[in-house]
C-alpha atoms as a PDB file:
ATOM      1  CA  MET A   1      97.726-167.645 314.056  1.00  0.00           C
ATOM      2  CA  THR A   2     100.686-169.757 314.157  1.00  0.00           C
ATOM      3  CA  ASP A   3     104.374-168.438 314.050  1.00  0.00           C
ATOM      4  CA  ARG A   4     104.694-170.110 310.623  1.00  0.00           C
ATOM      5  CA  GLU A   5     101.397-168.530 309.322  1.00  0.00           C
ATOM      6  CA  PHE A   6     102.638-165.124 310.763  1.00  0.00           C
ATOM      7  CA  LEU A   7     105.988-165.511 308.905  1.00  0.00           C
ATOM      8  CA  GLU A   8     104.225-166.429 305.749  1.00  0.00           C
ATOM      9  CA  ALA A   9     102.180-163.332 305.969  1.00  0.00           C
ATOM     10  CA  ILE A  10     105.178-161.227 306.618  1.00  0.00           C
ATOM     11  CA  LEU A  11     106.983-162.860 303.575  1.00  0.00           C
ATOM     12  CA  LYS A  12     104.017-161.975 301.387  1.00  0.00           C
ATOM     13  CA  LYS A  13     104.201-158.358 302.430  1.00  0.00           C
ATOM     14  CA  VAL A  14     107.889-158.183 301.967  1.00  0.00           C
ATOM     15  CA  GLU A  15     107.594-159.768 298.297  1.00  0.00           C
ATOM     16  CA  SER A  16     104.700-157.292 297.667  1.00  0.00           C
ATOM     17  CA  ILE A  17     106.960-154.309 298.846  1.00  0.00           C
ATOM     18  CA  ASP A  18     109.765-155.690 296.741  1.00  0.00           C
ATOM     19  CA  SER A  19     107.595-155.878 293.737  1.00  0.00           C
ATOM     20  CA  LYS A  20     106.570-152.234 294.209  1.00  0.00           C
ATOM     21  CA  ILE A  21     110.062-151.154 294.659  1.00  0.00           C
ATOM     22  CA  ASP A  22     110.946-152.924 291.393  1.00  0.00           C
ATOM     23  CA  THR A  23     108.044-151.325 289.613  1.00  0.00           C
ATOM     24  CA  VAL A  24     109.327-147.762 291.018  1.00  0.00           C
ATOM     25  CA  THR A  25     112.706-148.454 289.976  1.00  0.00           C
ATOM     26  CA  HIS A  26     111.828-149.304 286.517  1.00  0.00           C
ATOM     27  CA  GLN A  27     109.859-146.230 286.164  1.00  0.00           C
ATOM     28  CA  VAL A  28     112.666-144.071 287.435  1.00  0.00           C
ATOM     29  CA  VAL A  29     115.021-145.508 285.027  1.00  0.00           C
ATOM     30  CA  LYS A  30     112.380-144.876 282.197  1.00  0.00           C
ATOM     31  CA  ASN A  31     112.028-141.293 283.323  1.00  0.00           C
ATOM     32  CA  SER A  32     115.744-140.818 283.559  1.00  0.00           C
ATOM     33  CA  GLU A  33     115.929-142.100 279.866  1.00  0.00           C
ATOM     34  CA  ASP A  34     113.031-139.880 278.894  1.00  0.00           C
ATOM     35  CA  LEU A  35     114.753-136.831 280.461  1.00  0.00           C
ATOM     36  CA  THR A  36     117.923-137.569 278.615  1.00  0.00           C
ATOM     37  CA  TYR A  37     116.113-137.751 275.280  1.00  0.00           C
ATOM     38  CA  LEU A  38     114.340-134.433 276.207  1.00  0.00           C
ATOM     39  CA  ARG A  39     117.629-132.694 277.001  1.00  0.00           C
ATOM     40  CA  ALA A  40     119.173-133.967 273.970  1.00  0.00           C
ATOM     41  CA  THR A  41     116.027-132.703 271.957  1.00  0.00           C
ATOM     42  CA  ALA A  42     116.315-129.287 273.741  1.00  0.00           C
ATOM     43  CA  ASP A  43     119.992-128.944 272.772  1.00  0.00           C
ATOM     44  CA  ILE A  44     119.090-129.741 269.141  1.00  0.00           C
ATOM     45  CA  LEU A  45     116.313-126.994 269.253  1.00  0.00           C
ATOM     46  CA  VAL A  46     118.678-124.600 270.773  1.00  0.00           C
ATOM     47  CA  THR A  47     121.318-125.204 268.056  1.00  0.00           C
ATOM     48  CA  GLN A  48     118.758-125.090 265.333  1.00  0.00           C
ATOM     49  CA  THR A  49     117.427-121.734 266.634  1.00  0.00           C
ATOM     50  CA  ALA A  50     120.822-120.112 266.712  1.00  0.00           C
ATOM     51  CA  GLN A  51     121.501-121.386 263.182  1.00  0.00           C
ATOM     52  CA  ASN A  52     118.027-119.848 262.038  1.00  0.00           C
ATOM     53  CA  SER A  53     118.955-116.736 263.569  1.00  0.00           C
ATOM     54  CA  GLU A  54     122.219-116.464 261.786  1.00  0.00           C
ATOM     55  CA  LEU A  55     120.354-117.537 258.465  1.00  0.00           C
ATOM     56  CA  GLN A  56     117.468-114.910 258.902  1.00  0.00           C
ATOM     57  CA  PRO A  57     119.363-111.843 257.514  1.00  0.00           C
ATOM     58  CA  SER A  58     120.414-113.754 254.485  1.00  0.00           C
ATOM     59  CA  PHE A  59     116.803-114.979 254.103  1.00  0.00           C
ATOM     60  CA  ASP A  60     115.362-111.634 254.682  1.00  0.00           C
ATOM     61  CA  ASN A  61     117.789-110.109 251.827  1.00  0.00           C
ATOM     62  CA  ALA A  62     116.780-112.777 249.448  1.00  0.00           C
ATOM     63  CA  ILE A  63     113.268-111.999 249.988  1.00  0.00           C
ATOM     64  CA  ALA A  64     113.800-108.288 249.524  1.00  0.00           C
ATOM     65  CA  GLU A  65     115.653-108.991 246.247  1.00  0.00           C
ATOM     66  CA  LEU A  66     112.938-111.247 244.944  1.00  0.00           C
ATOM     67  CA  GLU A  67     110.416-108.540 245.815  1.00  0.00           C
ATOM     68  CA  THR A  68     112.437-105.996 243.993  1.00  0.00           C
ATOM     69  CA  ASP A  69     112.857-108.485 240.968  1.00  0.00           C
ATOM     70  CA  MET A  70     109.084-109.152 240.978  1.00  0.00           C
ATOM     71  CA  LYS A  71     108.473-105.326 240.819  1.00  0.00           C
ATOM     72  CA  ILE A  72     110.773-105.015 237.864  1.00  0.00           C
ATOM     73  CA  VAL A  73     109.213-107.944 236.125  1.00  0.00           C
ATOM     74  CA  LYS A  74     105.643-106.465 236.791  1.00  0.00           C
ATOM     75  CA  ASP A  75     106.720-102.913 235.503  1.00  0.00           C
ATOM     76  CA  LEU A  76     108.265-104.554 232.450  1.00  0.00           C
ATOM     77  CA  TYR A  77     105.175-106.626 231.869  1.00  0.00           C
ATOM     78  CA  HIS A  78     102.882-103.692 232.242  1.00  0.00           C
ATOM     79  CA  HIS A  79     105.091-101.439 229.844  1.00  0.00           C
ATOM     80  CA  ASN A  80     105.207-104.104 227.210  1.00  0.00           C
ATOM     81  CA  ILE A  81     101.292-104.495 227.099  1.00  0.00           C
END
């Protein structure tokens, strides 16, 4: 193998390594973007869960009131039959 062939072989190896580094770099950037999105989504879920927890007692009270109203309507209906 001549010096020129040796250097060309080394150049091909370096270019191959450079291409692999580019691929890995792009994947790292994509993973970072995905993590940022997932963190933002997790923050939204935490906020919504907290809001749901705050609303749960009101919801439970509304359901209880509806159940009471339904019992009253049912009793009135049965008394009018």
